[in-house]
PDB file of N, CA and C in Angstrom:
ATOM      1  N   MET A   1       9.748   9.470  -6.240  1.00  0.00           N
ATOM      2  CA  MET A   1       9.695   9.715  -4.810  1.00  0.00           C
ATOM      3  C   MET A   1      10.369   8.571  -3.864  1.00  0.00           C
ATOM      4  N   VAL A   2       9.628   7.430  -4.146  1.00  0.00           N
ATOM      5  CA  VAL A   2      10.246   6.254  -3.494  1.00  0.00           C
ATOM      6  C   VAL A   2      11.224   5.616  -4.421  1.00  0.00           C
ATOM      7  N   ALA A   3      12.286   5.588  -4.139  1.00  0.00           N
ATOM      8  CA  ALA A   3      13.434   4.955  -4.855  1.00  0.00           C
ATOM      9  C   ALA A   3      13.204   3.360  -4.974  1.00  0.00           C
ATOM     10  N   ALA A   4      12.590   2.855  -3.908  1.00  0.00           N
ATOM     11  CA  ALA A   4      12.645   1.300  -3.844  1.00  0.00           C
ATOM     12  C   ALA A   4      11.470   0.637  -4.518  1.00  0.00           C
ATOM     13  N   VAL A   5      10.521   1.500  -5.100  1.00  0.00           N
ATOM     14  CA  VAL A   5       9.301   1.203  -5.732  1.00  0.00           C
ATOM     15  C   VAL A   5       9.479   0.071  -6.879  1.00  0.00           C
ATOM     16  N   GLU A   6      10.762   0.269  -7.547  1.00  0.00           N
ATOM     17  CA  GLU A   6      11.054  -0.791  -8.559  1.00  0.00           C
ATOM     18  C   GLU A   6      11.117  -2.277  -7.881  1.00  0.00           C
ATOM     19  N   THR A   7      11.283  -2.231  -6.641  1.00  0.00           N
ATOM     20  CA  THR A   7      11.301  -3.684  -6.110  1.00  0.00           C
ATOM     21  C   THR A   7      10.123  -4.162  -5.735  1.00  0.00           C
ATOM     22  N   SER A   8      10.055  -5.440  -5.129  1.00  0.00           N
ATOM     23  CA  SER A   8       8.718  -6.001  -4.660  1.00  0.00           C
ATOM     24  C   SER A   8       8.218  -5.546  -3.317  1.00  0.00           C
ATOM     25  N   PRO A   9       7.003  -5.467  -2.961  1.00  0.00           N
ATOM     26  CA  PRO A   9       6.557  -5.017  -1.681  1.00  0.00           C
ATOM     27  C   PRO A   9       7.312  -5.694  -0.375  1.00  0.00           C
ATOM     28  N   ALA A  10       7.794  -6.766  -0.641  1.00  0.00           N
ATOM     29  CA  ALA A  10       8.483  -7.456   0.365  1.00  0.00           C
ATOM     30  C   ALA A  10       9.807  -6.798   0.595  1.00  0.00           C
ATOM     31  N   SER A  11      10.548  -6.187  -0.463  1.00  0.00           N
ATOM     32  CA  SER A  11      11.761  -5.611  -0.399  1.00  0.00           C
ATOM     33  C   SER A  11      11.352  -4.190   0.116  1.00  0.00           C
ATOM     34  N   LEU A  12      10.313  -3.628   0.073  1.00  0.00           N
ATOM     35  CA  LEU A  12      10.070  -2.276   0.556  1.00  0.00           C
ATOM     36  C   LEU A  12      10.063  -2.271   2.293  1.00  0.00           C
ATOM     37  N   VAL A  13       9.690  -3.592   2.617  1.00  0.00           N
ATOM     38  CA  VAL A  13       9.596  -3.758   4.186  1.00  0.00           C
ATOM     39  C   VAL A  13      11.041  -3.604   4.650  1.00  0.00           C
ATOM     40  N   THR A  14      12.112  -4.336   3.851  1.00  0.00           N
ATOM     41  CA  THR A  14      13.375  -4.153   4.455  1.00  0.00           C
ATOM     42  C   THR A  14      14.029  -3.025   4.067  1.00  0.00           C
ATOM     43  N   VAL A  15      13.743  -2.228   3.131  1.00  0.00           N
ATOM     44  CA  VAL A  15      14.394  -0.929   2.820  1.00  0.00           C
ATOM     45  C   VAL A  15      13.923   0.193   3.750  1.00  0.00           C
ATOM     46  N   LEU A  16      12.495   0.245   3.996  1.00  0.00           N
ATOM     47  CA  LEU A  16      11.817   1.316   4.800  1.00  0.00           C
ATOM     48  C   LEU A  16      11.369   0.750   6.037  1.00  0.00           C
ATOM     49  N   SER A  17      11.563   1.537   7.152  1.00  0.00           N
ATOM     50  CA  SER A  17      10.866   1.242   8.197  1.00  0.00           C
ATOM     51  C   SER A  17       9.297   1.312   8.292  1.00  0.00           C
ATOM     52  N   ARG A  18       8.792   0.837   9.451  1.00  0.00           N
ATOM     53  CA  ARG A  18       7.273   0.833   9.502  1.00  0.00           C
ATOM     54  C   ARG A  18       6.893   2.290   9.454  1.00  0.00           C
ATOM     55  N   SER A  19       7.482   3.283  10.146  1.00  0.00           N
ATOM     56  CA  SER A  19       7.122   4.605  10.347  1.00  0.00           C
ATOM     57  C   SER A  19       7.589   5.291   8.920  1.00  0.00           C
ATOM     58  N   GLN A  20       8.555   4.852   8.020  1.00  0.00           N
ATOM     59  CA  GLN A  20       8.689   5.550   7.050  1.00  0.00           C
ATOM     60  C   GLN A  20       7.691   4.911   5.902  1.00  0.00           C
ATOM     61  N   LEU A  21       7.110   3.853   6.023  1.00  0.00           N
ATOM     62  CA  LEU A  21       6.008   3.227   5.236  1.00  0.00           C
ATOM     63  C   LEU A  21       4.942   3.993   5.398  1.00  0.00           C
ATOM     64  N   MET A  22       4.435   4.156   6.563  1.00  0.00           N
ATOM     65  CA  MET A  22       3.368   5.029   7.029  1.00  0.00           C
ATOM     66  C   MET A  22       3.401   6.546   6.616  1.00  0.00           C
ATOM     67  N   GLU A  23       4.549   7.004   6.658  1.00  0.00           N
ATOM     68  CA  GLU A  23       4.627   8.464   6.345  1.00  0.00           C
ATOM     69  C   GLU A  23       4.477   8.678   4.873  1.00  0.00           C
ATOM     70  N   ARG A  24       5.157   7.692   4.101  1.00  0.00           N
ATOM     71  CA  ARG A  24       5.033   7.810   2.615  1.00  0.00           C
ATOM     72  C   ARG A  24       3.589   7.642   2.136  1.00  0.00           C
ATOM     73  N   ILE A  25       2.776   6.825   2.913  1.00  0.00           N
ATOM     74  CA  ILE A  25       1.522   6.443   2.524  1.00  0.00           C
ATOM     75  C   ILE A  25       0.616   7.655   2.828  1.00  0.00           C
ATOM     76  N   GLY A  26       1.005   8.257   4.116  1.00  0.00           N
ATOM     77  CA  GLY A  26       0.266   9.728   4.277  1.00  0.00           C
ATOM     78  C   GLY A  26       0.366  10.623   3.378  1.00  0.00           C
ATOM     79  N   GLU A  27       1.473  10.724   2.684  1.00  0.00           N
ATOM     80  CA  GLU A  27       1.922  11.919   1.853  1.00  0.00           C
ATOM     81  C   GLU A  27       1.086  11.634   0.551  1.00  0.00           C
ATOM     82  N   LEU A  28       0.773  10.500   0.165  1.00  0.00           N
ATOM     83  CA  LEU A  28       0.112  10.016  -1.116  1.00  0.00           C
ATOM     84  C   LEU A  28      -1.318  10.097  -0.730  1.00  0.00           C
ATOM     85  N   ASN A  29      -1.767   9.637   0.524  1.00  0.00           N
ATOM     86  CA  ASN A  29      -3.202   9.448   0.925  1.00  0.00           C
ATOM     87  C   ASN A  29      -3.415  10.110   2.280  1.00  0.00           C
ATOM     88  N   PRO A  30      -3.448  11.406   2.205  1.00  0.00           N
ATOM     89  CA  PRO A  30      -3.705  12.078   3.531  1.00  0.00           C
ATOM     90  C   PRO A  30      -4.944  11.579   4.506  1.00  0.00           C
ATOM     91  N   THR A  31      -5.751  11.004   3.890  1.00  0.00           N
ATOM     92  CA  THR A  31      -6.884  10.478   4.682  1.00  0.00           C
ATOM     93  C   THR A  31      -6.469   9.231   5.365  1.00  0.00           C
ATOM     94  N   ALA A  32      -5.570   8.538   5.150  1.00  0.00           N
ATOM     95  CA  ALA A  32      -5.032   7.275   5.788  1.00  0.00           C
ATOM     96  C   ALA A  32      -4.395   7.775   7.034  1.00  0.00           C
ATOM     97  N   THR A  33      -4.918   7.609   8.133  1.00  0.00           N
ATOM     98  CA  THR A  33      -4.499   8.143   9.424  1.00  0.00           C
ATOM     99  C   THR A  33      -3.553   7.119   9.959  1.00  0.00           C
ATOM    100  N   ALA A  34      -2.614   7.578  10.808  1.00  0.00           N
ATOM    101  CA  ALA A  34      -1.594   6.518  11.336  1.00  0.00           C
ATOM    102  C   ALA A  34      -2.336   5.691  12.358  1.00  0.00           C
ATOM    103  N   GLY A  35      -3.236   6.127  12.975  1.00  0.00           N
ATOM    104  CA  GLY A  35      -4.176   5.065  13.677  1.00  0.00           C
ATOM    105  C   GLY A  35      -4.932   4.125  12.820  1.00  0.00           C
ATOM    106  N   PHE A  36      -5.194   4.156  11.822  1.00  0.00           N
ATOM    107  CA  PHE A  36      -5.863   3.259  10.864  1.00  0.00           C
ATOM    108  C   PHE A  36      -4.680   2.362  10.154  1.00  0.00           C
ATOM    109  N   LEU A  37      -3.688   2.919  10.023  1.00  0.00           N
ATOM    110  CA  LEU A  37      -2.586   2.231   9.304  1.00  0.00           C
ATOM    111  C   LEU A  37      -1.883   1.318  10.178  1.00  0.00           C
ATOM    112  N   SER A  38      -1.715   1.642  11.575  1.00  0.00           N
ATOM    113  CA  SER A  38      -1.074   0.744  12.540  1.00  0.00           C
ATOM    114  C   SER A  38      -1.611  -0.639  12.687  1.00  0.00           C
ATOM    115  N   GLY A  39      -2.839  -0.798  12.185  1.00  0.00           N
ATOM    116  CA  GLY A  39      -3.563  -2.094  12.313  1.00  0.00           C
ATOM    117  C   GLY A  39      -2.935  -3.097  11.123  1.00  0.00           C
ATOM    118  N   PHE A  40      -2.183  -2.715  10.333  1.00  0.00           N
ATOM    119  CA  PHE A  40      -1.927  -3.316   9.376  1.00  0.00           C
ATOM    120  C   PHE A  40      -0.351  -3.945   9.274  1.00  0.00           C
ATOM    121  N   ALA A  41      -0.265  -5.143   8.858  1.00  0.00           N
ATOM    122  CA  ALA A  41       1.343  -5.672   8.913  1.00  0.00           C
ATOM    123  C   ALA A  41       2.178  -4.942   7.796  1.00  0.00           C
ATOM    124  N   ASP A  42       3.578  -4.720   8.241  1.00  0.00           N
ATOM    125  CA  ASP A  42       4.409  -4.056   7.462  1.00  0.00           C
ATOM    126  C   ASP A  42       4.417  -4.554   5.915  1.00  0.00           C
ATOM    127  N   SER A  43       4.168  -5.802   5.565  1.00  0.00           N
ATOM    128  CA  SER A  43       4.047  -6.200   4.001  1.00  0.00           C
ATOM    129  C   SER A  43       2.853  -5.616   3.381  1.00  0.00           C
ATOM    130  N   ALA A  44       1.689  -5.479   4.208  1.00  0.00           N
ATOM    131  CA  ALA A  44       0.518  -4.869   3.652  1.00  0.00           C
ATOM    132  C   ALA A  44       0.685  -3.483   3.438  1.00  0.00           C
ATOM    133  N   LEU A  45       1.426  -2.797   4.153  1.00  0.00           N
ATOM    134  CA  LEU A  45       1.596  -1.483   4.125  1.00  0.00           C
ATOM    135  C   LEU A  45       2.629  -1.288   3.032  1.00  0.00           C
ATOM    136  N   ALA A  46       3.486  -1.951   2.839  1.00  0.00           N
ATOM    137  CA  ALA A  46       4.450  -1.880   1.584  1.00  0.00           C
ATOM    138  C   ALA A  46       3.608  -2.121   0.355  1.00  0.00           C
ATOM    139  N   LEU A  47       2.731  -3.058   0.230  1.00  0.00           N
ATOM    140  CA  LEU A  47       1.954  -3.524  -0.952  1.00  0.00           C
ATOM    141  C   LEU A  47       1.237  -2.159  -1.243  1.00  0.00           C
ATOM    142  N   TYR A  48       0.331  -1.694  -0.190  1.00  0.00           N
ATOM    143  CA  TYR A  48      -0.362  -0.438  -0.315  1.00  0.00           C
ATOM    144  C   TYR A  48       0.247   0.639  -0.944  1.00  0.00           C
ATOM    145  N   LEU A  49       1.577   0.915  -0.274  1.00  0.00           N
ATOM    146  CA  LEU A  49       2.456   2.147  -0.826  1.00  0.00           C
ATOM    147  C   LEU A  49       2.725   1.878  -2.323  1.00  0.00           C
ATOM    148  N   GLU A  50       2.991   0.618  -2.716  1.00  0.00           N
ATOM    149  CA  GLU A  50       3.353   0.414  -4.075  1.00  0.00           C
ATOM    150  C   GLU A  50       2.070   0.541  -4.910  1.00  0.00           C
ATOM    151  N   HIS A  51       0.939   0.314  -4.632  1.00  0.00           N
ATOM    152  CA  HIS A  51      -0.171   0.506  -5.333  1.00  0.00           C
ATOM    153  C   HIS A  51      -0.364   2.052  -5.382  1.00  0.00           C
ATOM    154  N   LEU A  52      -0.471   2.759  -4.234  1.00  0.00           N
ATOM    155  CA  LEU A  52      -0.547   4.218  -4.364  1.00  0.00           C
ATOM    156  C   LEU A  52       0.377   4.869  -5.333  1.00  0.00           C
ATOM    157  N   HIS A  53       1.621   4.404  -5.045  1.00  0.00           N
ATOM    158  CA  HIS A  53       2.712   4.914  -6.005  1.00  0.00           C
ATOM    159  C   HIS A  53       2.489   4.834  -7.539  1.00  0.00           C
ATOM    160  N   ALA A  54       1.913   3.701  -7.823  1.00  0.00           N
ATOM    161  CA  ALA A  54       1.643   3.239  -9.229  1.00  0.00           C
ATOM    162  C   ALA A  54       0.568   4.035  -9.738  1.00  0.00           C
ATOM    163  N   LYS A  55      -0.486   4.209  -8.953  1.00  0.00           N
ATOM    164  CA  LYS A  55      -1.645   4.828  -9.502  1.00  0.00           C
ATOM    165  C   LYS A  55      -1.598   6.515  -9.559  1.00  0.00           C
ATOM    166  N   LEU A  56      -0.894   6.912  -8.501  1.00  0.00           N
ATOM    167  CA  LEU A  56      -0.800   8.381  -8.169  1.00  0.00           C
ATOM    168  C   LEU A  56       0.384   9.120  -8.897  1.00  0.00           C
ATOM    169  N   VAL A  57       1.398   8.441  -8.841  1.00  0.00           N
ATOM    170  CA  VAL A  57       2.845   9.062  -9.309  1.00  0.00           C
ATOM    171  C   VAL A  57       3.242   8.492 -10.595  1.00  0.00           C
ATOM    172  N   GLU A  58       3.060   7.174 -10.883  1.00  0.00           N
ATOM    173  CA  GLU A  58       3.571   6.837 -12.389  1.00  0.00           C
ATOM    174  C   GLU A  58       2.738   7.082 -13.384  1.00  0.00           C
ATOM    175  N   THR A  59       3.163   7.562 -14.588  1.00  0.00           N
ATOM    176  CA  THR A  59       2.549   8.228 -15.369  1.00  0.00           C
ATOM    177  C   THR A  59       2.639   7.404 -16.890  1.00  0.00           C
ATOM    178  N   ASP A  60       3.257   6.472 -16.874  1.00  0.00           N
ATOM    179  CA  ASP A  60       3.447   5.529 -17.921  1.00  0.00           C
ATOM    180  C   ASP A  60       2.478   4.594 -18.001  1.00  0.00           C
ATOM    181  N   PRO A  61       1.388   4.686 -18.793  1.00  0.00           N
ATOM    182  CA  PRO A  61       0.215   3.575 -19.176  1.00  0.00           C
ATOM    183  C   PRO A  61       0.656   2.281 -19.382  1.00  0.00           C
ATOM    184  N   ARG A  62       1.955   2.036 -19.851  1.00  0.00           N
ATOM    185  CA  ARG A  62       2.497   0.819 -20.175  1.00  0.00           C
ATOM    186  C   ARG A  62       2.902  -0.027 -19.071  1.00  0.00           C
ATOM    187  N   ARG A  63       3.069   0.672 -17.865  1.00  0.00           N
ATOM    188  CA  ARG A  63       3.456   0.001 -16.428  1.00  0.00           C
ATOM    189  C   ARG A  63       2.308   0.053 -15.630  1.00  0.00           C
ATOM    190  N   PRO A  64       1.265  -0.743 -15.833  1.00  0.00           N
ATOM    191  CA  PRO A  64       0.182  -0.816 -14.977  1.00  0.00           C
ATOM    192  C   PRO A  64       0.545  -1.578 -13.639  1.00  0.00           C
ATOM    193  N   TRP A  65      -0.187  -1.265 -12.605  1.00  0.00           N
ATOM    194  CA  TRP A  65       0.038  -2.037 -11.290  1.00  0.00           C
ATOM    195  C   TRP A  65      -0.773  -3.278 -11.323  1.00  0.00           C
ATOM    196  N   ARG A  66      -0.077  -4.377 -11.051  1.00  0.00           N
ATOM    197  CA  ARG A  66      -0.694  -5.687 -10.935  1.00  0.00           C
ATOM    198  C   ARG A  66      -0.861  -6.226  -9.576  1.00  0.00           C
ATOM    199  N   ARG A  67      -2.160  -6.512  -9.251  1.00  0.00           N
ATOM    200  CA  ARG A  67      -2.490  -6.957  -8.091  1.00  0.00           C
ATOM    201  C   ARG A  67      -1.909  -8.467  -7.971  1.00  0.00           C
ATOM    202  N   PRO A  68      -1.061  -8.787  -6.848  1.00  0.00           N
ATOM    203  CA  PRO A  68      -0.531  -9.938  -6.652  1.00  0.00           C
ATOM    204  C   PRO A  68      -1.715 -11.119  -6.543  1.00  0.00           C
ATOM    205  N   GLY A  69      -1.273 -12.183  -7.074  1.00  0.00           N
ATOM    206  CA  GLY A  69      -2.346 -13.281  -7.110  1.00  0.00           C
ATOM    207  C   GLY A  69      -2.892 -13.876  -5.961  1.00  0.00           C
ATOM    208  N   ASP A  70      -2.063 -13.570  -4.756  1.00  0.00           N
ATOM    209  CA  ASP A  70      -2.553 -14.161  -3.538  1.00  0.00           C
ATOM    210  C   ASP A  70      -3.455 -13.136  -2.835  1.00  0.00           C
ATOM    211  N   THR A  71      -3.829 -11.990  -3.406  1.00  0.00           N
ATOM    212  CA  THR A  71      -4.728 -11.184  -2.660  1.00  0.00           C
ATOM    213  C   THR A  71      -6.043 -10.911  -3.354  1.00  0.00           C
ATOM    214  N   ALA A  72      -7.073 -10.792  -2.601  1.00  0.00           N
ATOM    215  CA  ALA A  72      -8.501 -10.623  -3.068  1.00  0.00           C
ATOM    216  C   ALA A  72      -8.555  -9.498  -3.865  1.00  0.00           C
ATOM    217  N   ALA A  73      -9.565  -9.715  -5.098  1.00  0.00           N
ATOM    218  CA  ALA A  73      -9.712  -8.479  -5.934  1.00  0.00           C
ATOM    219  C   ALA A  73     -10.582  -7.592  -5.357  1.00  0.00           C
ATOM    220  N   ILE A  74     -11.523  -8.229  -4.758  1.00  0.00           N
ATOM    221  CA  ILE A  74     -12.863  -7.184  -4.210  1.00  0.00           C
ATOM    222  C   ILE A  74     -13.138  -7.801  -2.698  1.00  0.00           C
ATOM    223  N   LEU A  75     -13.023  -6.854  -1.860  1.00  0.00           N
ATOM    224  CA  LEU A  75     -13.193  -7.034  -0.656  1.00  0.00           C
ATOM    225  C   LEU A  75     -14.553  -6.246  -0.034  1.00  0.00           C
ATOM    226  N   HIS A  76     -15.175  -6.861   0.797  1.00  0.00           N
ATOM    227  CA  HIS A  76     -16.555  -6.287   1.113  1.00  0.00           C
ATOM    228  C   HIS A  76     -16.830  -6.552   2.605  1.00  0.00           C
ATOM    229  N   PHE A  77     -17.162  -5.642   3.497  1.00  0.00           N
ATOM    230  CA  PHE A  77     -17.454  -5.758   4.902  1.00  0.00           C
ATOM    231  C   PHE A  77     -18.962  -5.363   5.013  1.00  0.00           C
ATOM    232  N   ASP A  78     -19.928  -6.206   5.481  1.00  0.00           N
ATOM    233  CA  ASP A  78     -21.163  -5.953   5.825  1.00  0.00           C
ATOM    234  C   ASP A  78     -21.277  -5.864   7.273  1.00  0.00           C
ATOM    235  N   PRO A  79     -21.455  -4.577   7.854  1.00  0.00           N
ATOM    236  CA  PRO A  79     -21.577  -4.469   9.324  1.00  0.00           C
ATOM    237  C   PRO A  79     -22.767  -5.091   9.905  1.00  0.00           C
ATOM    238  N   SER A  80     -23.876  -5.286   9.202  1.00  0.00           N
ATOM    239  CA  SER A  80     -25.074  -5.674   9.515  1.00  0.00           C
ATOM    240  C   SER A  80     -24.966  -7.405   9.848  1.00  0.00           C
ATOM    241  N   ALA A  81     -23.913  -7.933   9.398  1.00  0.00           N
ATOM    242  CA  ALA A  81     -23.786  -9.354   9.296  1.00  0.00           C
ATOM    243  C   ALA A  81     -23.139  -9.815  10.495  1.00  0.00           C
ATOM    244  N   GLU A  82     -22.501  -8.652  11.362  1.00  0.00           N
ATOM    245  CA  GLU A  82     -22.063  -8.899  12.759  1.00  0.00           C
ATOM    246  C   GLU A  82     -22.998  -9.260  13.500  1.00  0.00           C
ATOM    247  N   ALA A  83     -22.790 -10.323  14.380  1.00  0.00           N
ATOM    248  CA  ALA A  83     -23.622 -10.563  15.525  1.00  0.00           C
ATOM    249  C   ALA A  83     -23.300 -10.244  16.834  1.00  0.00           C
TER     250      ALA A  83
END
């Protein structure tokens, strides 16, 4: 589906426009609305698209998606901690 998935997320940003990134994400994850996605940088959208594609489209278990070392493995938001 995404011909540029073989490249890095940074390359996806140069290959696909922001609207194309959001459209492709929406095809793989219909619950991700354009309003929600618009709050993210293009590089984050490209990374998310790469992750979705690897998990939902790729079928070769020998090619797992690897989280980039500069991103957190677990994120948590506690709304009660907001003052």
